[in-house]
Amino acid sequence: MSREIGATARTDDANENIAQGYIDHCLMGGERVIYRTNLHWSIFLAPTVVTGILFVISSPNGGAAGLIGVFWLAKRIIDFLTSEFGITDRRVIMKQGWIARRSVEVALTKVEGAIVNQGLLGRILGYGTIIVRGTGGVENPFHGIARPLEFHRNLQQQMVQISQR
């Protein structure tokens, strides 16, 4: 689910009634979300394949080994449901995790740049790593993000708009 909100808005009406997420909860007065995305569905590929293989291999013994894959898949589902990546008109906000949470909030005026890393499979399927570099050289990598080039483009547009104010 990716959404852009603003002049060239693309909203996902089916998801408008979802409970407020981390990004929405962190907004300051007058701040608005420009772009948001989530983890890419490809994070489920490896756990799904491994779970299937483990169940097939261990099925004569009751399939107990397959439970390892089930736990891995459950962790990925939780990661998917609890991760948010967004750009507002003032900040970059990224959050991953539920019990162990990792969040990054960087003011656009403090962002020196962003890097997109995509391997061949990431380019084909549309996922990658975003590394947001803040002032002082601090790098904040987030892996497995859906549509990383769109995220990067929107971040660059907001950085230009902030610099022109």
C-alpha atoms as a PDB file:
ATOM      1  CA  MET A   1       0.000   0.000   0.000  1.00  0.00           C
ATOM      2  CA  SER A   2       1.590   3.253  -1.104  1.00  0.00           C
ATOM      3  CA  ARG A   3      -0.131   6.584  -0.872  1.00  0.00           C
ATOM      4  CA  GLU A   4       0.726  10.082  -1.862  1.00  0.00           C
ATOM      5  CA  ILE A   5      -1.261  12.916  -0.379  1.00  0.00           C
ATOM      6  CA  GLY A   6      -1.139  16.440  -1.738  1.00  0.00           C
ATOM      7  CA  ALA A   7      -1.492  18.233  -5.056  1.00  0.00           C
ATOM      8  CA  THR A   8      -0.891  15.098  -7.087  1.00  0.00           C
ATOM      9  CA  ALA A   9      -2.751  12.985  -4.601  1.00  0.00           C
ATOM     10  CA  ARG A  10      -3.155   9.292  -5.017  1.00  0.00           C
ATOM     11  CA  THR A  11      -5.173   8.022  -2.093  1.00  0.00           C
ATOM     12  CA  ASP A  12      -6.042   4.493  -1.192  1.00  0.00           C
ATOM     13  CA  ASP A  13      -9.706   4.960  -0.233  1.00  0.00           C
ATOM     14  CA  ALA A  14     -10.101   1.355   0.900  1.00  0.00           C
ATOM     15  CA  ASN A  15      -7.574   1.990   3.668  1.00  0.00           C
ATOM     16  CA  GLU A  16      -8.745   5.412   4.831  1.00  0.00           C
ATOM     17  CA  ASN A  17     -10.563   3.952   7.844  1.00  0.00           C
ATOM     18  CA  ILE A  18      -7.597   1.981   9.205  1.00  0.00           C
ATOM     19  CA  ALA A  19      -6.598   2.938  12.742  1.00  0.00           C
ATOM     20  CA  GLN A  20      -4.099   5.743  12.985  1.00  0.00           C
ATOM     21  CA  GLY A  21      -0.536   4.557  12.479  1.00  0.00           C
ATOM     22  CA  TYR A  22       2.752   5.686  13.944  1.00  0.00           C
ATOM     23  CA  ILE A  23       3.336   8.362  11.297  1.00  0.00           C
ATOM     24  CA  ASP A  24      -0.107   9.881  11.753  1.00  0.00           C
ATOM     25  CA  HIS A  25       0.310   9.781  15.527  1.00  0.00           C
ATOM     26  CA  CYS A  26       3.645  11.669  15.301  1.00  0.00           C
ATOM     27  CA  LEU A  27       2.432  14.534  13.114  1.00  0.00           C
ATOM     28  CA  MET A  28       2.932  18.014  14.515  1.00  0.00           C
ATOM     29  CA  GLY A  29       0.357  20.768  14.114  1.00  0.00           C
ATOM     30  CA  GLY A  30      -0.100  21.656  10.455  1.00  0.00           C
ATOM     31  CA  GLU A  31       2.258  18.916   9.253  1.00  0.00           C
ATOM     32  CA  ARG A  32       0.955  16.754   6.422  1.00  0.00           C
ATOM     33  CA  VAL A  33       1.991  13.434   4.944  1.00  0.00           C
ATOM     34  CA  ILE A  34       3.291  13.712   1.389  1.00  0.00           C
ATOM     35  CA  TYR A  35       4.214  10.091   0.715  1.00  0.00           C
ATOM     36  CA  ARG A  36       4.081   6.776   2.539  1.00  0.00           C
ATOM     37  CA  THR A  37       5.002   3.216   1.755  1.00  0.00           C
ATOM     38  CA  ASN A  38       5.567  -0.064   3.558  1.00  0.00           C
ATOM     39  CA  LEU A  39       7.656  -3.202   3.350  1.00  0.00           C
ATOM     40  CA  HIS A  40       7.514  -5.093   0.069  1.00  0.00           C
ATOM     41  CA  TRP A  41       5.649  -8.392  -0.166  1.00  0.00           C
ATOM     42  CA  SER A  42       8.890 -10.152  -1.148  1.00  0.00           C
ATOM     43  CA  ILE A  43       9.812 -10.404   2.549  1.00  0.00           C
ATOM     44  CA  PHE A  44       7.443 -13.385   2.623  1.00  0.00           C
ATOM     45  CA  LEU A  45       9.174 -15.377  -0.157  1.00  0.00           C
ATOM     46  CA  ALA A  46      12.009 -17.048   1.759  1.00  0.00           C
ATOM     47  CA  PRO A  47       9.978 -17.936   4.882  1.00  0.00           C
ATOM     48  CA  THR A  48       7.156 -19.348   2.759  1.00  0.00           C
ATOM     49  CA  VAL A  49       9.474 -21.521   0.665  1.00  0.00           C
ATOM     50  CA  VAL A  50      11.446 -22.724   3.701  1.00  0.00           C
ATOM     51  CA  THR A  51       8.243 -23.487   5.619  1.00  0.00           C
ATOM     52  CA  GLY A  52       6.927 -25.555   2.715  1.00  0.00           C
ATOM     53  CA  ILE A  53      10.188 -27.453   2.333  1.00  0.00           C
ATOM     54  CA  LEU A  54      10.439 -28.130   6.072  1.00  0.00           C
ATOM     55  CA  PHE A  55       6.871 -29.441   6.222  1.00  0.00           C
ATOM     56  CA  VAL A  56       7.479 -31.734   3.234  1.00  0.00           C
ATOM     57  CA  ILE A  57      10.768 -33.018   4.637  1.00  0.00           C
ATOM     58  CA  SER A  58       9.434 -33.528   8.153  1.00  0.00           C
ATOM     59  CA  SER A  59       5.874 -34.661   7.326  1.00  0.00           C
ATOM     60  CA  PRO A  60       6.585 -38.366   8.047  1.00  0.00           C
ATOM     61  CA  ASN A  61       7.631 -37.248  11.536  1.00  0.00           C
ATOM     62  CA  GLY A  62       4.584 -35.073  12.127  1.00  0.00           C
ATOM     63  CA  GLY A  63       5.887 -31.863  10.510  1.00  0.00           C
ATOM     64  CA  ALA A  64       7.455 -30.480  13.693  1.00  0.00           C
ATOM     65  CA  ALA A  65      10.417 -28.968  11.806  1.00  0.00           C
ATOM     66  CA  GLY A  66       7.945 -26.943   9.755  1.00  0.00           C
ATOM     67  CA  LEU A  67       7.101 -24.979  12.890  1.00  0.00           C
ATOM     68  CA  ILE A  68      10.458 -23.205  12.568  1.00  0.00           C
ATOM     69  CA  GLY A  69       9.312 -21.855   9.219  1.00  0.00           C
ATOM     70  CA  VAL A  70       5.910 -20.940  10.649  1.00  0.00           C
ATOM     71  CA  PHE A  71       7.551 -18.820  13.363  1.00  0.00           C
ATOM     72  CA  TRP A  72       9.787 -17.147  10.767  1.00  0.00           C
ATOM     73  CA  LEU A  73       6.749 -16.407   8.596  1.00  0.00           C
ATOM     74  CA  ALA A  74       4.817 -15.074  11.616  1.00  0.00           C
ATOM     75  CA  LYS A  75       7.714 -12.728  12.406  1.00  0.00           C
ATOM     76  CA  ARG A  76       7.675 -11.426   8.838  1.00  0.00           C
ATOM     77  CA  ILE A  77       3.920 -10.831   9.016  1.00  0.00           C
ATOM     78  CA  ILE A  78       4.391  -8.820  12.212  1.00  0.00           C
ATOM     79  CA  ASP A  79       7.247  -6.876  10.556  1.00  0.00           C
ATOM     80  CA  PHE A  80       5.030  -6.134   7.561  1.00  0.00           C
ATOM     81  CA  LEU A  81       2.093  -4.977   9.664  1.00  0.00           C
ATOM     82  CA  THR A  82       4.160  -2.821  12.026  1.00  0.00           C
ATOM     83  CA  SER A  83       6.471  -1.031   9.583  1.00  0.00           C
ATOM     84  CA  GLU A  84       5.812   2.448   8.215  1.00  0.00           C
ATOM     85  CA  PHE A  85       7.905   4.702   6.013  1.00  0.00           C
ATOM     86  CA  GLY A  86       6.794   8.221   5.218  1.00  0.00           C
ATOM     87  CA  ILE A  87       7.732  11.696   4.138  1.00  0.00           C
ATOM     88  CA  THR A  88       5.915  14.725   5.454  1.00  0.00           C
ATOM     89  CA  ASP A  89       6.307  18.336   4.445  1.00  0.00           C
ATOM     90  CA  ARG A  90       8.793  18.642   7.379  1.00  0.00           C
ATOM     91  CA  ARG A  91      10.355  15.234   8.136  1.00  0.00           C
ATOM     92  CA  VAL A  92      11.247  11.740   7.086  1.00  0.00           C
ATOM     93  CA  ILE A  93       9.612   9.260   9.475  1.00  0.00           C
ATOM     94  CA  MET A  94      10.406   5.554   9.447  1.00  0.00           C
ATOM     95  CA  LYS A  95       9.359   2.923  11.975  1.00  0.00           C
ATOM     96  CA  GLN A  96       9.871  -0.830  12.105  1.00  0.00           C
ATOM     97  CA  GLY A  97       8.920  -3.318  14.770  1.00  0.00           C
ATOM     98  CA  TRP A  98       6.362  -3.920  17.436  1.00  0.00           C
ATOM     99  CA  ILE A  99       7.981  -5.160  20.638  1.00  0.00           C
ATOM    100  CA  ALA A 100      11.497  -4.148  19.634  1.00  0.00           C
ATOM    101  CA  ARG A 101      10.925  -0.906  17.753  1.00  0.00           C
ATOM    102  CA  ARG A 102      13.330   1.026  15.578  1.00  0.00           C
ATOM    103  CA  SER A 103      12.219   4.476  14.552  1.00  0.00           C
ATOM    104  CA  VAL A 104      13.929   7.335  12.784  1.00  0.00           C
ATOM    105  CA  GLU A 105      12.584  10.843  12.464  1.00  0.00           C
ATOM    106  CA  VAL A 106      14.799  13.314  10.634  1.00  0.00           C
ATOM    107  CA  ALA A 107      13.862  16.903   9.836  1.00  0.00           C
ATOM    108  CA  LEU A 108      14.125  17.574   6.110  1.00  0.00           C
ATOM    109  CA  THR A 109      16.480  20.464   6.903  1.00  0.00           C
ATOM    110  CA  LYS A 110      18.835  17.902   8.519  1.00  0.00           C
ATOM    111  CA  VAL A 111      18.818  15.407   5.634  1.00  0.00           C
ATOM    112  CA  GLU A 112      22.004  15.554   3.570  1.00  0.00           C
ATOM    113  CA  GLY A 113      20.853  12.945   1.104  1.00  0.00           C
ATOM    114  CA  ALA A 114      19.399   9.522   0.496  1.00  0.00           C
ATOM    115  CA  ILE A 115      20.741   6.430  -1.197  1.00  0.00           C
ATOM    116  CA  VAL A 116      18.713   3.699  -2.876  1.00  0.00           C
ATOM    117  CA  ASN A 117      20.250   0.234  -3.100  1.00  0.00           C
ATOM    118  CA  GLN A 118      18.545  -2.331  -5.325  1.00  0.00           C
ATOM    119  CA  GLY A 119      19.859  -5.641  -6.527  1.00  0.00           C
ATOM    120  CA  LEU A 120      18.627  -7.262  -9.727  1.00  0.00           C
ATOM    121  CA  LEU A 121      15.699  -9.020  -8.030  1.00  0.00           C
ATOM    122  CA  GLY A 122      14.815  -5.799  -6.193  1.00  0.00           C
ATOM    123  CA  ARG A 123      14.728  -3.880  -9.460  1.00  0.00           C
ATOM    124  CA  ILE A 124      12.529  -6.509 -11.080  1.00  0.00           C
ATOM    125  CA  LEU A 125      10.099  -6.804  -8.151  1.00  0.00           C
ATOM    126  CA  GLY A 126      10.202  -3.167  -6.990  1.00  0.00           C
ATOM    127  CA  TYR A 127      11.896  -3.223  -3.588  1.00  0.00           C
ATOM    128  CA  GLY A 128      15.152  -2.020  -2.121  1.00  0.00           C
ATOM    129  CA  THR A 129      17.005  -0.368   0.705  1.00  0.00           C
ATOM    130  CA  ILE A 130      16.717   3.322   1.506  1.00  0.00           C
ATOM    131  CA  ILE A 131      19.583   4.909   3.409  1.00  0.00           C
ATOM    132  CA  VAL A 132      18.759   8.377   4.725  1.00  0.00           C
ATOM    133  CA  ARG A 133      21.901  10.335   5.549  1.00  0.00           C
ATOM    134  CA  GLY A 134      21.501  13.038   8.151  1.00  0.00           C
ATOM    135  CA  THR A 135      23.843  15.868   8.995  1.00  0.00           C
ATOM    136  CA  GLY A 136      27.018  14.631  10.602  1.00  0.00           C
ATOM    137  CA  GLY A 137      27.095  11.595   8.324  1.00  0.00           C
ATOM    138  CA  VAL A 138      24.631   9.485  10.317  1.00  0.00           C
ATOM    139  CA  GLU A 139      23.156   6.863   7.998  1.00  0.00           C
ATOM    140  CA  ASN A 140      19.801   5.206   8.659  1.00  0.00           C
ATOM    141  CA  PRO A 141      19.236   2.135   6.445  1.00  0.00           C
ATOM    142  CA  PHE A 142      15.824   0.539   6.001  1.00  0.00           C
ATOM    143  CA  HIS A 143      15.686  -2.687   4.013  1.00  0.00           C
ATOM    144  CA  GLY A 144      12.930  -4.254   1.921  1.00  0.00           C
ATOM    145  CA  ILE A 145      10.994  -1.063   1.220  1.00  0.00           C
ATOM    146  CA  ALA A 146       8.384  -1.130  -1.540  1.00  0.00           C
ATOM    147  CA  ARG A 147       8.939   1.389  -4.360  1.00  0.00           C
ATOM    148  CA  PRO A 148      12.228   2.830  -3.071  1.00  0.00           C
ATOM    149  CA  LEU A 149      12.746   5.023  -6.144  1.00  0.00           C
ATOM    150  CA  GLU A 150       9.354   6.689  -5.568  1.00  0.00           C
ATOM    151  CA  PHE A 151      10.293   7.242  -1.941  1.00  0.00           C
ATOM    152  CA  HIS A 152      13.614   8.783  -3.027  1.00  0.00           C
ATOM    153  CA  ARG A 153      11.954  11.010  -5.643  1.00  0.00           C
ATOM    154  CA  ASN A 154       9.403  12.312  -3.134  1.00  0.00           C
ATOM    155  CA  LEU A 155      12.120  12.925  -0.549  1.00  0.00           C
ATOM    156  CA  GLN A 156      14.184  14.893  -3.068  1.00  0.00           C
ATOM    157  CA  GLN A 157      11.149  16.983  -4.049  1.00  0.00           C
ATOM    158  CA  GLN A 158      10.443  17.855  -0.415  1.00  0.00           C
ATOM    159  CA  MET A 159      14.099  18.704   0.221  1.00  0.00           C
ATOM    160  CA  VAL A 160      14.036  21.118  -2.730  1.00  0.00           C
ATOM    161  CA  GLN A 161      10.801  22.706  -1.499  1.00  0.00           C
ATOM    162  CA  ILE A 162      12.234  23.133   2.018  1.00  0.00           C
ATOM    163  CA  SER A 163      15.390  24.777   0.619  1.00  0.00           C
ATOM    164  CA  GLN A 164      13.284  27.283  -1.356  1.00  0.00           C
ATOM    165  CA  ARG A 165      11.318  28.469   1.675  1.00  0.00           C
END
